[in-house]
Amino acid sequence: MTLIIRPYTDSDLQSVLSTWEEANSLAHPFLTSAFVDKVRHDIPKLYLPNADTWVAEENGSVMGFIALLGNEVGALFVQPERHGKGIGKKLMDKAAELHQELELEVFKANSIGRNFYSRYGFKLISEDIHLETGQEILRLRYAS
């Protein structure tokens, strides 16, 4: 199986939404359904048109994606059954190739994301409260 990292195209929308829905429910079970519904609505209308998005494709199927807003990682999601297979790392490698320094926010309660970012080499720079959800968020930075 060959994994390729390529730019997002409009034909990837349903696969990206499906990946987001499955991975989001696994990583963020603490989010309210109202907030999740709002984000799902905003992905195609607000986030994707304004982000530099890359997909990981394997045998013609999207397995994950990363969305960048400059050097800010706005989203990184991988199909749950493909976790631990190096897909997230390859997507993050692409982001690090494009930007020497990366920053992101991750919910403190998202142990899946926090463990991944820690293994990748991200360091904590601040903690805050996410205004829309009331959840604690961590701001992390990575420098290659």
N, C-alpha and C. Protein backbone atom coordinates (compact mmCIF):
# COMPACT_ATOMS: atom_id res chain seq x y z
N MET A 1 0.84 -1.18 0.00
CA MET A 1 0.00 0.00 0.00
C MET A 1 0.88 1.24 0.00
N THR A 2 0.60 2.13 -0.91
CA THR A 2 1.38 3.34 -1.03
C THR A 2 0.59 4.52 -0.52
N LEU A 3 1.17 5.23 0.43
CA LEU A 3 0.55 6.42 1.00
C LEU A 3 1.15 7.64 0.31
N ILE A 4 0.28 8.51 -0.20
CA ILE A 4 0.77 9.75 -0.78
C ILE A 4 0.13 10.93 -0.04
N ILE A 5 0.90 11.98 0.10
CA ILE A 5 0.42 13.22 0.67
C ILE A 5 0.26 14.18 -0.50
N ARG A 6 -0.96 14.68 -0.68
CA ARG A 6 -1.23 15.56 -1.82
C ARG A 6 -2.16 16.68 -1.40
N PRO A 7 -2.21 17.76 -2.20
CA PRO A 7 -3.13 18.86 -1.86
C PRO A 7 -4.59 18.40 -1.91
N TYR A 8 -5.38 18.95 -1.03
CA TYR A 8 -6.82 18.72 -0.99
C TYR A 8 -7.46 19.26 -2.27
N THR A 9 -8.47 18.54 -2.78
CA THR A 9 -9.29 19.03 -3.88
C THR A 9 -10.75 18.96 -3.44
N ASP A 10 -11.62 19.70 -4.11
CA ASP A 10 -13.03 19.72 -3.74
C ASP A 10 -13.66 18.33 -3.75
N SER A 11 -13.15 17.44 -4.59
CA SER A 11 -13.71 16.09 -4.65
C SER A 11 -13.40 15.27 -3.39
N ASP A 12 -12.50 15.77 -2.53
CA ASP A 12 -12.16 15.10 -1.27
C ASP A 12 -13.12 15.45 -0.14
N LEU A 13 -14.05 16.38 -0.35
CA LEU A 13 -14.86 16.91 0.75
C LEU A 13 -15.55 15.83 1.57
N GLN A 14 -16.27 14.91 0.93
CA GLN A 14 -17.00 13.90 1.71
C GLN A 14 -16.06 13.00 2.50
N SER A 15 -14.92 12.63 1.92
CA SER A 15 -13.95 11.81 2.63
C SER A 15 -13.34 12.56 3.81
N VAL A 16 -13.05 13.84 3.63
CA VAL A 16 -12.50 14.65 4.72
C VAL A 16 -13.52 14.80 5.84
N LEU A 17 -14.79 15.06 5.48
CA LEU A 17 -15.83 15.18 6.51
C LEU A 17 -16.02 13.87 7.26
N SER A 18 -16.00 12.76 6.55
CA SER A 18 -16.15 11.45 7.18
C SER A 18 -14.99 11.17 8.12
N THR A 19 -13.78 11.46 7.68
CA THR A 19 -12.60 11.28 8.53
C THR A 19 -12.71 12.14 9.77
N TRP A 20 -13.08 13.40 9.58
CA TRP A 20 -13.22 14.32 10.72
C TRP A 20 -14.26 13.80 11.71
N GLU A 21 -15.43 13.38 11.20
CA GLU A 21 -16.50 12.92 12.09
C GLU A 21 -16.06 11.72 12.94
N GLU A 22 -15.43 10.74 12.30
CA GLU A 22 -15.02 9.54 13.02
C GLU A 22 -13.91 9.84 14.03
N ALA A 23 -12.88 10.58 13.59
CA ALA A 23 -11.75 10.87 14.48
C ALA A 23 -12.14 11.87 15.57
N ASN A 24 -12.99 12.83 15.22
CA ASN A 24 -13.43 13.82 16.20
C ASN A 24 -14.21 13.18 17.34
N SER A 25 -15.10 12.24 17.02
CA SER A 25 -15.90 11.61 18.07
C SER A 25 -15.02 10.76 18.98
N LEU A 26 -13.94 10.21 18.46
CA LEU A 26 -13.01 9.42 19.27
C LEU A 26 -12.15 10.32 20.16
N ALA A 27 -11.62 11.42 19.59
CA ALA A 27 -10.70 12.29 20.32
C ALA A 27 -11.40 13.30 21.22
N HIS A 28 -12.64 13.65 20.88
CA HIS A 28 -13.34 14.73 21.58
C HIS A 28 -14.72 14.32 22.08
N PRO A 29 -14.84 13.24 22.84
CA PRO A 29 -16.17 12.82 23.31
C PRO A 29 -16.79 13.82 24.30
N PHE A 30 -16.00 14.74 24.79
CA PHE A 30 -16.43 15.74 25.78
C PHE A 30 -17.09 16.96 25.14
N LEU A 31 -17.05 17.07 23.81
CA LEU A 31 -17.66 18.23 23.14
C LEU A 31 -19.17 18.04 23.00
N THR A 32 -19.92 19.13 23.11
CA THR A 32 -21.37 19.04 22.98
C THR A 32 -21.75 18.80 21.52
N SER A 33 -22.89 18.18 21.31
CA SER A 33 -23.34 17.93 19.94
C SER A 33 -23.61 19.24 19.21
N ALA A 34 -24.04 20.27 19.92
CA ALA A 34 -24.29 21.58 19.28
C ALA A 34 -22.98 22.16 18.73
N PHE A 35 -21.91 22.08 19.51
CA PHE A 35 -20.62 22.59 19.05
C PHE A 35 -20.11 21.77 17.87
N VAL A 36 -20.21 20.45 17.96
CA VAL A 36 -19.76 19.57 16.87
C VAL A 36 -20.55 19.85 15.60
N ASP A 37 -21.86 20.05 15.71
CA ASP A 37 -22.68 20.36 14.54
C ASP A 37 -22.25 21.68 13.89
N LYS A 38 -21.93 22.66 14.71
CA LYS A 38 -21.48 23.97 14.20
C LYS A 38 -20.17 23.81 13.44
N VAL A 39 -19.23 23.08 14.01
CA VAL A 39 -17.93 22.88 13.35
C VAL A 39 -18.12 22.12 12.04
N ARG A 40 -18.97 21.07 12.06
CA ARG A 40 -19.20 20.31 10.83
C ARG A 40 -19.76 21.22 9.73
N HIS A 41 -20.64 22.11 10.08
CA HIS A 41 -21.20 23.07 9.13
C HIS A 41 -20.12 24.03 8.62
N ASP A 42 -19.21 24.44 9.51
CA ASP A 42 -18.18 25.42 9.15
C ASP A 42 -17.02 24.83 8.34
N ILE A 43 -16.80 23.53 8.43
CA ILE A 43 -15.66 22.94 7.72
C ILE A 43 -15.69 23.26 6.22
N PRO A 44 -16.76 22.92 5.48
CA PRO A 44 -16.73 23.21 4.04
C PRO A 44 -16.92 24.69 3.69
N LYS A 45 -17.59 25.43 4.55
CA LYS A 45 -17.93 26.82 4.22
C LYS A 45 -16.89 27.83 4.70
N LEU A 46 -16.21 27.53 5.80
CA LEU A 46 -15.30 28.49 6.41
C LEU A 46 -13.86 27.98 6.47
N TYR A 47 -13.67 26.78 7.02
CA TYR A 47 -12.31 26.30 7.26
C TYR A 47 -11.57 25.89 6.00
N LEU A 48 -12.15 24.98 5.21
CA LEU A 48 -11.43 24.48 4.03
C LEU A 48 -11.12 25.58 3.01
N PRO A 49 -12.04 26.51 2.74
CA PRO A 49 -11.70 27.55 1.76
C PRO A 49 -10.56 28.47 2.21
N ASN A 50 -10.29 28.54 3.52
CA ASN A 50 -9.28 29.45 4.04
C ASN A 50 -8.01 28.75 4.48
N ALA A 51 -7.94 27.44 4.32
CA ALA A 51 -6.79 26.68 4.80
C ALA A 51 -6.01 26.06 3.65
N ASP A 52 -4.74 25.80 3.91
CA ASP A 52 -3.88 25.03 3.03
C ASP A 52 -4.00 23.59 3.52
N THR A 53 -4.82 22.80 2.84
CA THR A 53 -5.16 21.46 3.33
C THR A 53 -4.50 20.39 2.47
N TRP A 54 -3.96 19.39 3.15
CA TRP A 54 -3.28 18.26 2.51
C TRP A 54 -3.96 16.99 2.98
N VAL A 55 -4.09 16.03 2.08
CA VAL A 55 -4.70 14.75 2.43
C VAL A 55 -3.68 13.63 2.29
N ALA A 56 -3.87 12.60 3.11
CA ALA A 56 -3.10 11.37 2.99
C ALA A 56 -4.00 10.38 2.27
N GLU A 57 -3.55 9.93 1.13
CA GLU A 57 -4.34 9.02 0.31
C GLU A 57 -3.63 7.68 0.18
N GLU A 58 -4.39 6.61 0.36
CA GLU A 58 -3.85 5.26 0.24
C GLU A 58 -4.80 4.47 -0.65
N ASN A 59 -4.28 3.96 -1.74
CA ASN A 59 -5.10 3.18 -2.69
C ASN A 59 -6.37 3.91 -3.10
N GLY A 60 -6.25 5.20 -3.35
CA GLY A 60 -7.39 5.99 -3.81
C GLY A 60 -8.34 6.47 -2.74
N SER A 61 -8.07 6.15 -1.47
CA SER A 61 -8.96 6.57 -0.38
C SER A 61 -8.24 7.53 0.56
N VAL A 62 -8.96 8.56 1.00
CA VAL A 62 -8.41 9.52 1.95
C VAL A 62 -8.40 8.87 3.34
N MET A 63 -7.22 8.85 3.95
CA MET A 63 -7.03 8.24 5.27
C MET A 63 -6.87 9.29 6.37
N GLY A 64 -6.59 10.53 5.97
CA GLY A 64 -6.39 11.60 6.94
C GLY A 64 -6.15 12.91 6.23
N PHE A 65 -6.12 13.99 7.02
CA PHE A 65 -5.84 15.30 6.45
C PHE A 65 -5.27 16.23 7.50
N ILE A 66 -4.57 17.27 7.01
CA ILE A 66 -4.06 18.33 7.86
C ILE A 66 -4.43 19.64 7.20
N ALA A 67 -4.91 20.59 7.99
CA ALA A 67 -5.30 21.91 7.49
C ALA A 67 -4.43 22.95 8.18
N LEU A 68 -3.76 23.76 7.37
CA LEU A 68 -2.84 24.78 7.88
C LEU A 68 -3.36 26.18 7.58
N LEU A 69 -3.24 27.04 8.55
CA LEU A 69 -3.52 28.47 8.38
C LEU A 69 -2.19 29.16 8.65
N GLY A 70 -1.41 29.37 7.59
CA GLY A 70 -0.04 29.79 7.79
C GLY A 70 0.69 28.67 8.51
N ASN A 71 1.38 29.01 9.62
CA ASN A 71 2.10 27.97 10.37
C ASN A 71 1.26 27.38 11.50
N GLU A 72 -0.02 27.71 11.52
CA GLU A 72 -0.95 27.19 12.53
C GLU A 72 -1.61 25.91 12.01
N VAL A 73 -1.47 24.82 12.77
CA VAL A 73 -2.15 23.58 12.43
C VAL A 73 -3.58 23.73 12.94
N GLY A 74 -4.51 23.94 12.02
CA GLY A 74 -5.90 24.12 12.39
C GLY A 74 -6.62 22.81 12.63
N ALA A 75 -6.15 21.76 11.96
CA ALA A 75 -6.78 20.44 12.11
C ALA A 75 -5.81 19.38 11.65
N LEU A 76 -5.83 18.25 12.35
CA LEU A 76 -5.11 17.05 11.94
C LEU A 76 -5.97 15.87 12.39
N PHE A 77 -6.51 15.14 11.43
CA PHE A 77 -7.38 14.02 11.74
C PHE A 77 -7.04 12.84 10.83
N VAL A 78 -7.03 11.65 11.42
CA VAL A 78 -6.74 10.41 10.70
C VAL A 78 -7.86 9.42 11.00
N GLN A 79 -8.24 8.64 9.99
CA GLN A 79 -9.26 7.60 10.20
C GLN A 79 -8.85 6.76 11.42
N PRO A 80 -9.74 6.58 12.39
CA PRO A 80 -9.37 5.86 13.62
C PRO A 80 -8.75 4.49 13.39
N GLU A 81 -9.22 3.74 12.42
CA GLU A 81 -8.65 2.40 12.19
C GLU A 81 -7.24 2.47 11.62
N ARG A 82 -6.80 3.67 11.24
CA ARG A 82 -5.45 3.86 10.68
C ARG A 82 -4.51 4.55 11.67
N HIS A 83 -5.01 4.81 12.91
CA HIS A 83 -4.14 5.40 13.94
C HIS A 83 -2.95 4.48 14.19
N GLY A 84 -1.80 5.08 14.46
CA GLY A 84 -0.61 4.31 14.78
C GLY A 84 0.11 3.74 13.57
N LYS A 85 -0.29 4.14 12.36
CA LYS A 85 0.31 3.61 11.13
C LYS A 85 1.24 4.62 10.45
N GLY A 86 1.51 5.75 11.12
CA GLY A 86 2.44 6.74 10.56
C GLY A 86 1.80 7.78 9.67
N ILE A 87 0.48 7.74 9.51
CA ILE A 87 -0.20 8.69 8.63
C ILE A 87 -0.16 10.11 9.21
N GLY A 88 -0.48 10.24 10.49
CA GLY A 88 -0.41 11.55 11.13
C GLY A 88 0.99 12.13 11.07
N LYS A 89 1.99 11.29 11.28
CA LYS A 89 3.39 11.75 11.23
C LYS A 89 3.73 12.25 9.83
N LYS A 90 3.31 11.52 8.80
CA LYS A 90 3.61 11.96 7.43
C LYS A 90 2.91 13.29 7.11
N LEU A 91 1.68 13.46 7.60
CA LEU A 91 0.99 14.73 7.39
C LEU A 91 1.71 15.86 8.12
N MET A 92 2.13 15.60 9.35
CA MET A 92 2.85 16.62 10.12
C MET A 92 4.21 16.90 9.50
N ASP A 93 4.86 15.87 8.95
CA ASP A 93 6.13 16.07 8.25
C ASP A 93 5.94 17.05 7.09
N LYS A 94 4.82 16.93 6.38
CA LYS A 94 4.54 17.84 5.26
C LYS A 94 4.41 19.26 5.79
N ALA A 95 3.69 19.44 6.90
CA ALA A 95 3.53 20.77 7.49
C ALA A 95 4.88 21.34 7.91
N ALA A 96 5.72 20.51 8.52
CA ALA A 96 7.04 20.95 8.97
C ALA A 96 7.95 21.28 7.79
N GLU A 97 7.74 20.60 6.67
CA GLU A 97 8.49 20.89 5.45
C GLU A 97 8.10 22.27 4.91
N LEU A 98 6.84 22.63 5.06
CA LEU A 98 6.34 23.91 4.56
C LEU A 98 6.64 25.08 5.50
N HIS A 99 6.72 24.80 6.80
CA HIS A 99 6.92 25.85 7.82
C HIS A 99 7.93 25.37 8.84
N GLN A 100 8.99 26.15 9.07
CA GLN A 100 10.02 25.75 10.03
C GLN A 100 9.47 25.63 11.44
N GLU A 101 8.51 26.48 11.75
CA GLU A 101 7.92 26.47 13.09
C GLU A 101 6.41 26.29 12.95
N LEU A 102 5.85 25.42 13.78
CA LEU A 102 4.41 25.17 13.77
C LEU A 102 3.83 25.43 15.15
N GLU A 103 2.59 25.91 15.18
CA GLU A 103 1.87 26.06 16.44
C GLU A 103 0.48 25.47 16.28
N LEU A 104 -0.12 25.10 17.41
CA LEU A 104 -1.47 24.57 17.38
C LEU A 104 -2.07 24.65 18.77
N GLU A 105 -3.38 24.44 18.82
CA GLU A 105 -4.08 24.32 20.08
C GLU A 105 -4.72 22.94 20.12
N VAL A 106 -4.67 22.32 21.29
CA VAL A 106 -5.26 21.00 21.48
C VAL A 106 -6.02 21.03 22.80
N PHE A 107 -7.18 20.40 22.82
CA PHE A 107 -7.93 20.32 24.07
C PHE A 107 -7.12 19.48 25.06
N LYS A 108 -7.04 19.96 26.30
CA LYS A 108 -6.31 19.24 27.34
C LYS A 108 -6.89 17.84 27.53
N ALA A 109 -8.20 17.69 27.36
CA ALA A 109 -8.86 16.39 27.53
C ALA A 109 -8.65 15.44 26.35
N ASN A 110 -8.02 15.90 25.28
CA ASN A 110 -7.78 15.08 24.09
C ASN A 110 -6.44 14.34 24.25
N SER A 111 -6.47 13.22 24.93
CA SER A 111 -5.23 12.48 25.19
C SER A 111 -4.63 11.91 23.90
N ILE A 112 -5.45 11.57 22.94
CA ILE A 112 -4.94 11.03 21.66
C ILE A 112 -4.06 12.09 20.99
N GLY A 113 -4.60 13.29 20.83
CA GLY A 113 -3.86 14.36 20.19
C GLY A 113 -2.64 14.78 21.00
N ARG A 114 -2.81 14.92 22.31
CA ARG A 114 -1.70 15.36 23.15
C ARG A 114 -0.54 14.36 23.09
N ASN A 115 -0.84 13.08 23.13
CA ASN A 115 0.22 12.07 23.04
C ASN A 115 0.94 12.13 21.70
N PHE A 116 0.18 12.29 20.62
CA PHE A 116 0.79 12.38 19.29
C PHE A 116 1.71 13.59 19.20
N TYR A 117 1.20 14.76 19.60
CA TYR A 117 2.00 15.99 19.48
C TYR A 117 3.25 15.93 20.36
N SER A 118 3.14 15.34 21.52
CA SER A 118 4.30 15.19 22.40
C SER A 118 5.35 14.30 21.75
N ARG A 119 4.93 13.17 21.19
CA ARG A 119 5.87 12.28 20.51
C ARG A 119 6.52 12.97 19.31
N TYR A 120 5.78 13.85 18.65
CA TYR A 120 6.31 14.53 17.47
C TYR A 120 7.35 15.59 17.86
N GLY A 121 7.25 16.10 19.09
CA GLY A 121 8.23 17.09 19.55
C GLY A 121 7.65 18.45 19.87
N PHE A 122 6.33 18.57 19.89
CA PHE A 122 5.71 19.85 20.26
C PHE A 122 5.93 20.10 21.75
N LYS A 123 6.10 21.38 22.10
CA LYS A 123 6.31 21.79 23.49
C LYS A 123 5.20 22.76 23.90
N LEU A 124 4.78 22.66 25.14
CA LEU A 124 3.75 23.54 25.70
C LEU A 124 4.27 24.97 25.79
N ILE A 125 3.46 25.92 25.30
CA ILE A 125 3.82 27.33 25.48
C ILE A 125 2.80 28.08 26.32
N SER A 126 1.55 27.61 26.38
CA SER A 126 0.57 28.27 27.25
C SER A 126 -0.67 27.40 27.42
N GLU A 127 -1.46 27.75 28.43
CA GLU A 127 -2.74 27.09 28.68
C GLU A 127 -3.81 28.17 28.76
N ASP A 128 -5.02 27.84 28.32
CA ASP A 128 -6.11 28.80 28.33
C ASP A 128 -7.43 28.04 28.38
N ILE A 129 -8.50 28.79 28.30
CA ILE A 129 -9.84 28.22 28.23
C ILE A 129 -10.41 28.52 26.84
N HIS A 130 -10.91 27.50 26.18
CA HIS A 130 -11.56 27.66 24.87
C HIS A 130 -12.92 28.29 25.12
N LEU A 131 -13.11 29.49 24.63
CA LEU A 131 -14.30 30.27 24.96
C LEU A 131 -15.61 29.60 24.53
N GLU A 132 -15.62 28.97 23.35
CA GLU A 132 -16.87 28.38 22.85
C GLU A 132 -17.30 27.14 23.62
N THR A 133 -16.35 26.42 24.22
CA THR A 133 -16.69 25.16 24.88
C THR A 133 -16.46 25.16 26.38
N GLY A 134 -15.67 26.11 26.87
CA GLY A 134 -15.31 26.12 28.29
C GLY A 134 -14.25 25.10 28.64
N GLN A 135 -13.73 24.38 27.64
CA GLN A 135 -12.71 23.36 27.85
C GLN A 135 -11.32 24.00 27.95
N GLU A 136 -10.44 23.35 28.71
CA GLU A 136 -9.05 23.80 28.77
C GLU A 136 -8.36 23.44 27.46
N ILE A 137 -7.55 24.41 26.96
CA ILE A 137 -6.78 24.16 25.75
C ILE A 137 -5.31 24.43 26.03
N LEU A 138 -4.48 23.71 25.32
CA LEU A 138 -3.03 23.87 25.42
C LEU A 138 -2.53 24.41 24.09
N ARG A 139 -1.65 25.41 24.16
CA ARG A 139 -1.03 25.94 22.96
C ARG A 139 0.37 25.33 22.89
N LEU A 140 0.68 24.71 21.77
CA LEU A 140 1.94 24.01 21.59
C LEU A 140 2.72 24.58 20.41
N ARG A 141 4.04 24.43 20.47
CA ARG A 141 4.92 24.90 19.38
C ARG A 141 5.92 23.81 19.05
N TYR A 142 6.22 23.74 17.75
CA TYR A 142 7.23 22.82 17.24
C TYR A 142 8.18 23.63 16.36
N ALA A 143 9.47 23.43 16.56
CA ALA A 143 10.46 24.06 15.70
C ALA A 143 11.38 22.96 15.15
N SER A 144 11.53 22.93 13.82
CA SER A 144 12.38 21.90 13.21
C SER A 144 13.83 22.31 13.20
